[in-house]
Amino acid sequence: YFSANFQPELKGPPKVLSGRDHSFSDV
């Protein structure tokens, strides 16, 4: 969905990331 609809903003293939109990916080 993001690949098809967010093409102008994409710098490469969009990829859903997760990592155990990691939090993608701003800090």
mmCIF file of all heavy atoms, coordinates in Angstrom:
data_MODEL
# 
_entry.id   MODEL 
# 
loop_
_atom_site.group_PDB 
_atom_site.id 
_atom_site.type_symbol 
_atom_site.label_atom_id 
_atom_site.label_alt_id 
_atom_site.label_comp_id 
_atom_site.label_asym_id 
_atom_site.label_entity_id 
_atom_site.label_seq_id 
_atom_site.pdbx_PDB_ins_code 
_atom_site.Cartn_x 
_atom_site.Cartn_y 
_atom_site.Cartn_z 
_atom_site.occupancy 
_atom_site.B_iso_or_equiv 
_atom_site.pdbx_formal_charge 
_atom_site.auth_seq_id 
_atom_site.auth_comp_id 
_atom_site.auth_asym_id 
_atom_site.auth_atom_id 
_atom_site.pdbx_PDB_model_num 
ATOM 1   N N   . TYR A 1 1  ? 0.835  -1.212  0.000  1.00 0.00 ? 1  TYR A N   1 
ATOM 2   C CA  . TYR A 1 1  ? 0.000  0.000   0.000  1.00 0.00 ? 1  TYR A CA  1 
ATOM 3   C C   . TYR A 1 1  ? 0.862  1.251   0.000  1.00 0.00 ? 1  TYR A C   1 
ATOM 4   O O   . TYR A 1 1  ? 0.629  2.179   -0.799 1.00 0.00 ? 1  TYR A O   1 
ATOM 5   C CB  . TYR A 1 1  ? -0.936 0.020   1.211  1.00 0.00 ? 1  TYR A CB  1 
ATOM 6   C CG  . TYR A 1 1  ? -1.671 1.340   1.310  1.00 0.00 ? 1  TYR A CG  1 
ATOM 7   C CD1 . TYR A 1 1  ? -2.752 1.603   0.493  1.00 0.00 ? 1  TYR A CD1 1 
ATOM 8   C CD2 . TYR A 1 1  ? -1.240 2.345   2.186  1.00 0.00 ? 1  TYR A CD2 1 
ATOM 9   C CE1 . TYR A 1 1  ? -3.402 2.829   0.529  1.00 0.00 ? 1  TYR A CE1 1 
ATOM 10  C CE2 . TYR A 1 1  ? -1.879 3.566   2.230  1.00 0.00 ? 1  TYR A CE2 1 
ATOM 11  C CZ  . TYR A 1 1  ? -2.962 3.797   1.404  1.00 0.00 ? 1  TYR A CZ  1 
ATOM 12  O OH  . TYR A 1 1  ? -3.588 5.018   1.424  1.00 0.00 ? 1  TYR A OH  1 
ATOM 13  N N   . PHE A 1 2  ? 1.860  1.301   0.866  1.00 0.00 ? 2  PHE A N   1 
ATOM 14  C CA  . PHE A 1 2  ? 2.694  2.501   0.932  1.00 0.00 ? 2  PHE A CA  1 
ATOM 15  C C   . PHE A 1 2  ? 3.544  2.653   -0.330 1.00 0.00 ? 2  PHE A C   1 
ATOM 16  O O   . PHE A 1 2  ? 3.763  3.770   -0.805 1.00 0.00 ? 2  PHE A O   1 
ATOM 17  C CB  . PHE A 1 2  ? 3.560  2.482   2.188  1.00 0.00 ? 2  PHE A CB  1 
ATOM 18  C CG  . PHE A 1 2  ? 2.782  2.805   3.420  1.00 0.00 ? 2  PHE A CG  1 
ATOM 19  C CD1 . PHE A 1 2  ? 2.338  1.797   4.262  1.00 0.00 ? 2  PHE A CD1 1 
ATOM 20  C CD2 . PHE A 1 2  ? 2.457  4.114   3.731  1.00 0.00 ? 2  PHE A CD2 1 
ATOM 21  C CE1 . PHE A 1 2  ? 1.594  2.094   5.384  1.00 0.00 ? 2  PHE A CE1 1 
ATOM 22  C CE2 . PHE A 1 2  ? 1.715  4.421   4.852  1.00 0.00 ? 2  PHE A CE2 1 
ATOM 23  C CZ  . PHE A 1 2  ? 1.270  3.413   5.687  1.00 0.00 ? 2  PHE A CZ  1 
ATOM 24  N N   . SER A 1 3  ? 3.980  1.544   -0.900 1.00 0.00 ? 3  SER A N   1 
ATOM 25  C CA  . SER A 1 3  ? 4.749  1.607   -2.130 1.00 0.00 ? 3  SER A CA  1 
ATOM 26  C C   . SER A 1 3  ? 3.927  2.209   -3.268 1.00 0.00 ? 3  SER A C   1 
ATOM 27  O O   . SER A 1 3  ? 4.429  3.005   -4.074 1.00 0.00 ? 3  SER A O   1 
ATOM 28  C CB  . SER A 1 3  ? 5.226  0.205   -2.516 1.00 0.00 ? 3  SER A CB  1 
ATOM 29  O OG  . SER A 1 3  ? 6.010  0.249   -3.683 1.00 0.00 ? 3  SER A OG  1 
ATOM 30  N N   . ALA A 1 4  ? 2.639  1.867   -3.321 1.00 0.00 ? 4  ALA A N   1 
ATOM 31  C CA  . ALA A 1 4  ? 1.773  2.343   -4.397 1.00 0.00 ? 4  ALA A CA  1 
ATOM 32  C C   . ALA A 1 4  ? 1.277  3.765   -4.175 1.00 0.00 ? 4  ALA A C   1 
ATOM 33  O O   . ALA A 1 4  ? 1.009  4.481   -5.142 1.00 0.00 ? 4  ALA A O   1 
ATOM 34  C CB  . ALA A 1 4  ? 0.578  1.399   -4.546 1.00 0.00 ? 4  ALA A CB  1 
ATOM 35  N N   . ASN A 1 5  ? 1.176  4.194   -2.908 1.00 0.00 ? 5  ASN A N   1 
ATOM 36  C CA  . ASN A 1 5  ? 0.494  5.455   -2.627 1.00 0.00 ? 5  ASN A CA  1 
ATOM 37  C C   . ASN A 1 5  ? 1.372  6.563   -2.055 1.00 0.00 ? 5  ASN A C   1 
ATOM 38  O O   . ASN A 1 5  ? 0.914  7.700   -1.942 1.00 0.00 ? 5  ASN A O   1 
ATOM 39  C CB  . ASN A 1 5  ? -0.668 5.196   -1.665 1.00 0.00 ? 5  ASN A CB  1 
ATOM 40  C CG  . ASN A 1 5  ? -1.769 4.379   -2.312 1.00 0.00 ? 5  ASN A CG  1 
ATOM 41  O OD1 . ASN A 1 5  ? -2.611 4.896   -3.016 1.00 0.00 ? 5  ASN A OD1 1 
ATOM 42  N ND2 . ASN A 1 5  ? -1.745 3.065   -2.080 1.00 0.00 ? 5  ASN A ND2 1 
ATOM 43  N N   . PHE A 1 6  ? 2.607  6.261   -1.695 1.00 0.00 ? 6  PHE A N   1 
ATOM 44  C CA  . PHE A 1 6  ? 3.485  7.279   -1.109 1.00 0.00 ? 6  PHE A CA  1 
ATOM 45  C C   . PHE A 1 6  ? 4.760  7.455   -1.930 1.00 0.00 ? 6  PHE A C   1 
ATOM 46  O O   . PHE A 1 6  ? 5.776  7.896   -1.414 1.00 0.00 ? 6  PHE A O   1 
ATOM 47  C CB  . PHE A 1 6  ? 3.825  6.906   0.338  1.00 0.00 ? 6  PHE A CB  1 
ATOM 48  C CG  . PHE A 1 6  ? 2.757  7.311   1.313  1.00 0.00 ? 6  PHE A CG  1 
ATOM 49  C CD1 . PHE A 1 6  ? 1.541  6.645   1.342  1.00 0.00 ? 6  PHE A CD1 1 
ATOM 50  C CD2 . PHE A 1 6  ? 2.945  8.373   2.190  1.00 0.00 ? 6  PHE A CD2 1 
ATOM 51  C CE1 . PHE A 1 6  ? 0.532  7.028   2.225  1.00 0.00 ? 6  PHE A CE1 1 
ATOM 52  C CE2 . PHE A 1 6  ? 1.956  8.760   3.075  1.00 0.00 ? 6  PHE A CE2 1 
ATOM 53  C CZ  . PHE A 1 6  ? 0.748  8.093   3.093  1.00 0.00 ? 6  PHE A CZ  1 
ATOM 54  N N   . GLN A 1 7  ? 4.672  7.149   -3.214 1.00 0.00 ? 7  GLN A N   1 
ATOM 55  C CA  . GLN A 1 7  ? 5.861  7.157   -4.063 1.00 0.00 ? 7  GLN A CA  1 
ATOM 56  C C   . GLN A 1 7  ? 6.635  8.479   -4.048 1.00 0.00 ? 7  GLN A C   1 
ATOM 57  O O   . GLN A 1 7  ? 7.870  8.461   -3.977 1.00 0.00 ? 7  GLN A O   1 
ATOM 58  C CB  . GLN A 1 7  ? 5.465  6.802   -5.494 1.00 0.00 ? 7  GLN A CB  1 
ATOM 59  C CG  . GLN A 1 7  ? 6.593  6.224   -6.313 1.00 0.00 ? 7  GLN A CG  1 
ATOM 60  C CD  . GLN A 1 7  ? 7.231  4.994   -5.674 1.00 0.00 ? 7  GLN A CD  1 
ATOM 61  O OE1 . GLN A 1 7  ? 8.450  4.964   -5.481 1.00 0.00 ? 7  GLN A OE1 1 
ATOM 62  N NE2 . GLN A 1 7  ? 6.429  3.993   -5.329 1.00 0.00 ? 7  GLN A NE2 1 
ATOM 63  N N   . PRO A 1 8  ? 5.985  9.652   -4.068 1.00 0.00 ? 8  PRO A N   1 
ATOM 64  C CA  . PRO A 1 8  ? 6.777  10.895  -4.085 1.00 0.00 ? 8  PRO A CA  1 
ATOM 65  C C   . PRO A 1 8  ? 7.684  11.064  -2.869 1.00 0.00 ? 8  PRO A C   1 
ATOM 66  O O   . PRO A 1 8  ? 8.744  11.685  -2.957 1.00 0.00 ? 8  PRO A O   1 
ATOM 67  C CB  . PRO A 1 8  ? 5.704  11.989  -4.118 1.00 0.00 ? 8  PRO A CB  1 
ATOM 68  C CG  . PRO A 1 8  ? 4.505  11.327  -4.683 1.00 0.00 ? 8  PRO A CG  1 
ATOM 69  C CD  . PRO A 1 8  ? 4.546  9.917   -4.180 1.00 0.00 ? 8  PRO A CD  1 
ATOM 70  N N   . GLU A 1 9  ? 7.272  10.493  -1.726 1.00 0.00 ? 9  GLU A N   1 
ATOM 71  C CA  . GLU A 1 9  ? 8.050  10.661  -0.496 1.00 0.00 ? 9  GLU A CA  1 
ATOM 72  C C   . GLU A 1 9  ? 9.074  9.564   -0.256 1.00 0.00 ? 9  GLU A C   1 
ATOM 73  O O   . GLU A 1 9  ? 9.937  9.699   0.612  1.00 0.00 ? 9  GLU A O   1 
ATOM 74  C CB  . GLU A 1 9  ? 7.122  10.700  0.725  1.00 0.00 ? 9  GLU A CB  1 
ATOM 75  C CG  . GLU A 1 9  ? 6.245  11.923  0.808  1.00 0.00 ? 9  GLU A CG  1 
ATOM 76  C CD  . GLU A 1 9  ? 4.788  11.610  0.509  1.00 0.00 ? 9  GLU A CD  1 
ATOM 77  O OE1 . GLU A 1 9  ? 4.515  10.896  -0.471 1.00 0.00 ? 9  GLU A OE1 1 
ATOM 78  O OE2 . GLU A 1 9  ? 3.932  12.082  1.272  1.00 0.00 ? 9  GLU A OE2 1 
ATOM 79  N N   . LEU A 1 10 ? 8.982  8.471   -0.998 1.00 0.00 ? 10 LEU A N   1 
ATOM 80  C CA  . LEU A 1 10 ? 9.798  7.302   -0.685 1.00 0.00 ? 10 LEU A CA  1 
ATOM 81  C C   . LEU A 1 10 ? 11.230 7.450   -1.188 1.00 0.00 ? 10 LEU A C   1 
ATOM 82  O O   . LEU A 1 10 ? 11.473 7.903   -2.300 1.00 0.00 ? 10 LEU A O   1 
ATOM 83  C CB  . LEU A 1 10 ? 9.165  6.044   -1.278 1.00 0.00 ? 10 LEU A CB  1 
ATOM 84  C CG  . LEU A 1 10 ? 7.800  5.642   -0.706 1.00 0.00 ? 10 LEU A CG  1 
ATOM 85  C CD1 . LEU A 1 10 ? 7.280  4.404   -1.424 1.00 0.00 ? 10 LEU A CD1 1 
ATOM 86  C CD2 . LEU A 1 10 ? 7.882  5.405   0.791  1.00 0.00 ? 10 LEU A CD2 1 
ATOM 87  N N   . LYS A 1 11 ? 12.170 7.026   -0.325 1.00 0.00 ? 11 LYS A N   1 
ATOM 88  C CA  . LYS A 1 11 ? 13.591 7.029   -0.686 1.00 0.00 ? 11 LYS A CA  1 
ATOM 89  C C   . LYS A 1 11 ? 14.083 5.630   -1.037 1.00 0.00 ? 11 LYS A C   1 
ATOM 90  O O   . LYS A 1 11 ? 15.259 5.426   -1.314 1.00 0.00 ? 11 LYS A O   1 
ATOM 91  C CB  . LYS A 1 11 ? 14.406 7.577   0.487  1.00 0.00 ? 11 LYS A CB  1 
ATOM 92  C CG  . LYS A 1 11 ? 14.010 8.986   0.910  1.00 0.00 ? 11 LYS A CG  1 
ATOM 93  C CD  . LYS A 1 11 ? 14.748 9.393   2.171  1.00 0.00 ? 11 LYS A CD  1 
ATOM 94  C CE  . LYS A 1 11 ? 14.288 10.751  2.653  1.00 0.00 ? 11 LYS A CE  1 
ATOM 95  N NZ  . LYS A 1 11 ? 14.949 11.128  3.934  1.00 0.00 ? 11 LYS A NZ  1 
ATOM 96  N N   . GLY A 1 12 ? 13.177 4.687   -0.995 1.00 0.00 ? 12 GLY A N   1 
ATOM 97  C CA  . GLY A 1 12 ? 13.476 3.292   -1.280 1.00 0.00 ? 12 GLY A CA  1 
ATOM 98  C C   . GLY A 1 12 ? 12.241 2.484   -0.956 1.00 0.00 ? 12 GLY A C   1 
ATOM 99  O O   . GLY A 1 12 ? 11.222 3.035   -0.529 1.00 0.00 ? 12 GLY A O   1 
ATOM 100 N N   . PRO A 1 13 ? 12.281 1.170   -1.115 1.00 0.00 ? 13 PRO A N   1 
ATOM 101 C CA  . PRO A 1 13 ? 11.103 0.350   -0.812 1.00 0.00 ? 13 PRO A CA  1 
ATOM 102 C C   . PRO A 1 13 ? 10.697 0.500   0.659  1.00 0.00 ? 13 PRO A C   1 
ATOM 103 O O   . PRO A 1 13 ? 11.540 0.347   1.555  1.00 0.00 ? 13 PRO A O   1 
ATOM 104 C CB  . PRO A 1 13 ? 11.582 -1.077  -1.109 1.00 0.00 ? 13 PRO A CB  1 
ATOM 105 C CG  . PRO A 1 13 ? 12.747 -0.906  -2.021 1.00 0.00 ? 13 PRO A CG  1 
ATOM 106 C CD  . PRO A 1 13 ? 13.407 0.373   -1.623 1.00 0.00 ? 13 PRO A CD  1 
ATOM 107 N N   . PRO A 1 14 ? 9.418  0.798   0.932  1.00 0.00 ? 14 PRO A N   1 
ATOM 108 C CA  . PRO A 1 14 ? 8.979  0.863   2.335  1.00 0.00 ? 14 PRO A CA  1 
ATOM 109 C C   . PRO A 1 14 ? 8.990  -0.521  2.956  1.00 0.00 ? 14 PRO A C   1 
ATOM 110 O O   . PRO A 1 14 ? 8.665  -1.513  2.302  1.00 0.00 ? 14 PRO A O   1 
ATOM 111 C CB  . PRO A 1 14 ? 7.545  1.417   2.229  1.00 0.00 ? 14 PRO A CB  1 
ATOM 112 C CG  . PRO A 1 14 ? 7.093  1.001   0.861  1.00 0.00 ? 14 PRO A CG  1 
ATOM 113 C CD  . PRO A 1 14 ? 8.314  1.029   -0.014 1.00 0.00 ? 14 PRO A CD  1 
ATOM 114 N N   . LYS A 1 15 ? 9.391  -0.577  4.221  1.00 0.00 ? 15 LYS A N   1 
ATOM 115 C CA  . LYS A 1 15 ? 9.508  -1.871  4.891  1.00 0.00 ? 15 LYS A CA  1 
ATOM 116 C C   . LYS A 1 15 ? 9.008  -1.742  6.322  1.00 0.00 ? 15 LYS A C   1 
ATOM 117 O O   . LYS A 1 15 ? 9.402  -0.828  7.044  1.00 0.00 ? 15 LYS A O   1 
ATOM 118 C CB  . LYS A 1 15 ? 10.974 -2.316  4.890  1.00 0.00 ? 15 LYS A CB  1 
ATOM 119 C CG  . LYS A 1 15 ? 11.212 -3.702  5.484  1.00 0.00 ? 15 LYS A CG  1 
ATOM 120 C CD  . LYS A 1 15 ? 12.687 -4.073  5.384  1.00 0.00 ? 15 LYS A CD  1 
ATOM 121 C CE  . LYS A 1 15 ? 12.957 -5.443  5.980  1.00 0.00 ? 15 LYS A CE  1 
ATOM 122 N NZ  . LYS A 1 15 ? 14.397 -5.800  5.927  1.00 0.00 ? 15 LYS A NZ  1 
ATOM 123 N N   . VAL A 1 16 ? 8.114  -2.634  6.726  1.00 0.00 ? 16 VAL A N   1 
ATOM 124 C CA  . VAL A 1 16 ? 7.625  -2.657  8.110  1.00 0.00 ? 16 VAL A CA  1 
ATOM 125 C C   . VAL A 1 16 ? 8.706  -3.262  8.988  1.00 0.00 ? 16 VAL A C   1 
ATOM 126 O O   . VAL A 1 16 ? 9.162  -4.384  8.755  1.00 0.00 ? 16 VAL A O   1 
ATOM 127 C CB  . VAL A 1 16 ? 6.320  -3.470  8.226  1.00 0.00 ? 16 VAL A CB  1 
ATOM 128 C CG1 . VAL A 1 16 ? 5.893  -3.563  9.693  1.00 0.00 ? 16 VAL A CG1 1 
ATOM 129 C CG2 . VAL A 1 16 ? 5.219  -2.852  7.386  1.00 0.00 ? 16 VAL A CG2 1 
ATOM 130 N N   . LEU A 1 17 ? 9.114  -2.510  10.007 1.00 0.00 ? 17 LEU A N   1 
ATOM 131 C CA  . LEU A 1 17 ? 10.179 -2.943  10.900 1.00 0.00 ? 17 LEU A CA  1 
ATOM 132 C C   . LEU A 1 17 ? 9.639  -3.203  12.306 1.00 0.00 ? 17 LEU A C   1 
ATOM 133 O O   . LEU A 1 17 ? 8.745  -2.512  12.784 1.00 0.00 ? 17 LEU A O   1 
ATOM 134 C CB  . LEU A 1 17 ? 11.265 -1.874  10.994 1.00 0.00 ? 17 LEU A CB  1 
ATOM 135 C CG  . LEU A 1 17 ? 12.011 -1.504  9.721  1.00 0.00 ? 17 LEU A CG  1 
ATOM 136 C CD1 . LEU A 1 17 ? 13.035 -0.420  10.031 1.00 0.00 ? 17 LEU A CD1 1 
ATOM 137 C CD2 . LEU A 1 17 ? 12.674 -2.712  9.096  1.00 0.00 ? 17 LEU A CD2 1 
ATOM 138 N N   . SER A 1 18 ? 10.218 -4.189  12.968 1.00 0.00 ? 18 SER A N   1 
ATOM 139 C CA  . SER A 1 18 ? 10.000 -4.418  14.395 1.00 0.00 ? 18 SER A CA  1 
ATOM 140 C C   . SER A 1 18 ? 11.225 -5.141  14.917 1.00 0.00 ? 18 SER A C   1 
ATOM 141 O O   . SER A 1 18 ? 11.989 -5.725  14.146 1.00 0.00 ? 18 SER A O   1 
ATOM 142 C CB  . SER A 1 18 ? 8.733  -5.238  14.663 1.00 0.00 ? 18 SER A CB  1 
ATOM 143 O OG  . SER A 1 18 ? 8.878  -6.545  14.154 1.00 0.00 ? 18 SER A OG  1 
ATOM 144 N N   . GLY A 1 19 ? 11.392 -5.108  16.229 1.00 0.00 ? 19 GLY A N   1 
ATOM 145 C CA  . GLY A 1 19 ? 12.553 -5.781  16.808 1.00 0.00 ? 19 GLY A CA  1 
ATOM 146 C C   . GLY A 1 19 ? 12.331 -6.145  18.251 1.00 0.00 ? 19 GLY A C   1 
ATOM 147 O O   . GLY A 1 19 ? 12.569 -5.341  19.137 1.00 0.00 ? 19 GLY A O   1 
ATOM 148 N N   . ARG A 1 20 ? 11.807 -7.341  18.472 1.00 0.00 ? 20 ARG A N   1 
ATOM 149 C CA  . ARG A 1 20 ? 11.564 -7.821  19.832 1.00 0.00 ? 20 ARG A CA  1 
ATOM 150 C C   . ARG A 1 20 ? 10.748 -6.797  20.590 1.00 0.00 ? 20 ARG A C   1 
ATOM 151 O O   . ARG A 1 20 ? 9.647  -6.446  20.181 1.00 0.00 ? 20 ARG A O   1 
ATOM 152 C CB  . ARG A 1 20 ? 12.897 -8.154  20.503 1.00 0.00 ? 20 ARG A CB  1 
ATOM 153 C CG  . ARG A 1 20 ? 13.695 -9.231  19.750 1.00 0.00 ? 20 ARG A CG  1 
ATOM 154 C CD  . ARG A 1 20 ? 15.084 -9.400  20.319 1.00 0.00 ? 20 ARG A CD  1 
ATOM 155 N NE  . ARG A 1 20 ? 15.869 -10.316 19.509 1.00 0.00 ? 20 ARG A NE  1 
ATOM 156 C CZ  . ARG A 1 20 ? 17.173 -10.447 19.605 1.00 0.00 ? 20 ARG A CZ  1 
ATOM 157 N NH1 . ARG A 1 20 ? 17.858 -9.727  20.504 1.00 0.00 ? 20 ARG A NH1 1 
ATOM 158 N NH2 . ARG A 1 20 ? 17.831 -11.290 18.831 1.00 0.00 ? 20 ARG A NH2 1 
ATOM 159 N N   . ASP A 1 21 ? 11.281 -6.286  21.712 1.00 0.00 ? 21 ASP A N   1 
ATOM 160 C CA  . ASP A 1 21 ? 10.521 -5.281  22.468 1.00 0.00 ? 21 ASP A CA  1 
ATOM 161 C C   . ASP A 1 21 ? 11.059 -3.873  22.208 1.00 0.00 ? 21 ASP A C   1 
ATOM 162 O O   . ASP A 1 21 ? 10.890 -2.972  23.017 1.00 0.00 ? 21 ASP A O   1 
ATOM 163 C CB  . ASP A 1 21 ? 10.533 -5.592  23.964 1.00 0.00 ? 21 ASP A CB  1 
ATOM 164 C CG  . ASP A 1 21 ? 11.939 -5.524  24.564 1.00 0.00 ? 21 ASP A CG  1 
ATOM 165 O OD1 . ASP A 1 21 ? 12.921 -5.477  23.780 1.00 0.00 ? 21 ASP A OD1 1 
ATOM 166 O OD2 . ASP A 1 21 ? 12.053 -5.508  25.803 1.00 0.00 ? 21 ASP A OD2 1 
ATOM 167 N N   . HIS A 1 22 ? 11.681 -3.676  21.048 1.00 0.00 ? 22 HIS A N   1 
ATOM 168 C CA  . HIS A 1 22 ? 12.232 -2.372  20.686 1.00 0.00 ? 22 HIS A CA  1 
ATOM 169 C C   . HIS A 1 22 ? 11.104 -1.353  20.500 1.00 0.00 ? 22 HIS A C   1 
ATOM 170 O O   . HIS A 1 22 ? 10.009 -1.696  20.042 1.00 0.00 ? 22 HIS A O   1 
ATOM 171 C CB  . HIS A 1 22 ? 13.027 -2.498  19.392 1.00 0.00 ? 22 HIS A CB  1 
ATOM 172 C CG  . HIS A 1 22 ? 13.646 -1.221  18.933 1.00 0.00 ? 22 HIS A CG  1 
ATOM 173 N ND1 . HIS A 1 22 ? 14.750 -0.664  19.547 1.00 0.00 ? 22 HIS A ND1 1 
ATOM 174 C CD2 . HIS A 1 22 ? 13.307 -0.371  17.919 1.00 0.00 ? 22 HIS A CD2 1 
ATOM 175 C CE1 . HIS A 1 22 ? 15.079 0.451   18.925 1.00 0.00 ? 22 HIS A CE1 1 
ATOM 176 N NE2 . HIS A 1 22 ? 14.226 0.656   17.937 1.00 0.00 ? 22 HIS A NE2 1 
ATOM 177 N N   . SER A 1 23 ? 11.369 -0.105  20.862 1.00 0.00 ? 23 SER A N   1 
ATOM 178 C CA  . SER A 1 23 ? 10.434 0.993   20.634 1.00 0.00 ? 23 SER A CA  1 
ATOM 179 C C   . SER A 1 23 ? 11.076 2.007   19.703 1.00 0.00 ? 23 SER A C   1 
ATOM 180 O O   . SER A 1 23 ? 12.191 2.468   19.948 1.00 0.00 ? 23 SER A O   1 
ATOM 181 C CB  . SER A 1 23 ? 10.070 1.667   21.960 1.00 0.00 ? 23 SER A CB  1 
ATOM 182 O OG  . SER A 1 23 ? 9.252  2.796   21.736 1.00 0.00 ? 23 SER A OG  1 
ATOM 183 N N   . PHE A 1 24 ? 10.362 2.348   18.622 1.00 0.00 ? 24 PHE A N   1 
ATOM 184 C CA  . PHE A 1 24 ? 10.872 3.309   17.649 1.00 0.00 ? 24 PHE A CA  1 
ATOM 185 C C   . PHE A 1 24 ? 10.567 4.730   18.122 1.00 0.00 ? 24 PHE A C   1 
ATOM 186 O O   . PHE A 1 24 ? 9.858  5.503   17.470 1.00 0.00 ? 24 PHE A O   1 
ATOM 187 C CB  . PHE A 1 24 ? 10.269 3.037   16.274 1.00 0.00 ? 24 PHE A CB  1 
ATOM 188 C CG  . PHE A 1 24 ? 10.747 1.753   15.659 1.00 0.00 ? 24 PHE A CG  1 
ATOM 189 C CD1 . PHE A 1 24 ? 10.034 0.570   15.841 1.00 0.00 ? 24 PHE A CD1 1 
ATOM 190 C CD2 . PHE A 1 24 ? 11.912 1.712   14.915 1.00 0.00 ? 24 PHE A CD2 1 
ATOM 191 C CE1 . PHE A 1 24 ? 10.471 -0.619  15.283 1.00 0.00 ? 24 PHE A CE1 1 
ATOM 192 C CE2 . PHE A 1 24 ? 12.369 0.520   14.360 1.00 0.00 ? 24 PHE A CE2 1 
ATOM 193 C CZ  . PHE A 1 24 ? 11.643 -0.653  14.544 1.00 0.00 ? 24 PHE A CZ  1 
ATOM 194 N N   . SER A 1 25 ? 11.126 5.069   19.252 1.00 0.00 ? 25 SER A N   1 
ATOM 195 C CA  . SER A 1 25 ? 10.916 6.385   19.860 1.00 0.00 ? 25 SER A CA  1 
ATOM 196 C C   . SER A 1 25 ? 11.778 7.426   19.162 1.00 0.00 ? 25 SER A C   1 
ATOM 197 O O   . SER A 1 25 ? 12.762 7.102   18.493 1.00 0.00 ? 25 SER A O   1 
ATOM 198 C CB  . SER A 1 25 ? 11.277 6.326   21.347 1.00 0.00 ? 25 SER A CB  1 
ATOM 199 O OG  . SER A 1 25 ? 11.268 7.608   21.925 1.00 0.00 ? 25 SER A OG  1 
ATOM 200 N N   . ASP A 1 26 ? 11.404 8.693   19.346 1.00 0.00 ? 26 ASP A N   1 
ATOM 201 C CA  . ASP A 1 26 ? 12.227 9.785   18.826 1.00 0.00 ? 26 ASP A CA  1 
ATOM 202 C C   . ASP A 1 26 ? 13.517 9.943   19.619 1.00 0.00 ? 26 ASP A C   1 
ATOM 203 O O   . ASP A 1 26 ? 14.431 10.646  19.175 1.00 0.00 ? 26 ASP A O   1 
ATOM 204 C CB  . ASP A 1 26 ? 11.456 11.111  18.853 1.00 0.00 ? 26 ASP A CB  1 
ATOM 205 C CG  . ASP A 1 26 ? 10.421 11.184  17.739 1.00 0.00 ? 26 ASP A CG  1 
ATOM 206 O OD1 . ASP A 1 26 ? 10.384 10.279  16.883 1.00 0.00 ? 26 ASP A OD1 1 
ATOM 207 O OD2 . ASP A 1 26 ? 9.638  12.150  17.720 1.00 0.00 ? 26 ASP A OD2 1 
ATOM 208 N N   . VAL A 1 27 ? 13.581 9.330   20.796 1.00 0.00 ? 27 VAL A N   1 
ATOM 209 C CA  . VAL A 1 27 ? 14.791 9.421   21.618 1.00 0.00 ? 27 VAL A CA  1 
ATOM 210 C C   . VAL A 1 27 ? 15.313 8.015   21.894 1.00 0.00 ? 27 VAL A C   1 
ATOM 211 O O   . VAL A 1 27 ? 14.564 7.045   21.853 1.00 0.00 ? 27 VAL A O   1 
ATOM 212 C CB  . VAL A 1 27 ? 14.525 10.151  22.955 1.00 0.00 ? 27 VAL A CB  1 
ATOM 213 C CG1 . VAL A 1 27 ? 14.203 11.610  22.691 1.00 0.00 ? 27 VAL A CG1 1 
ATOM 214 C CG2 . VAL A 1 27 ? 13.390 9.499   23.744 1.00 0.00 ? 27 VAL A CG2 1 
# 
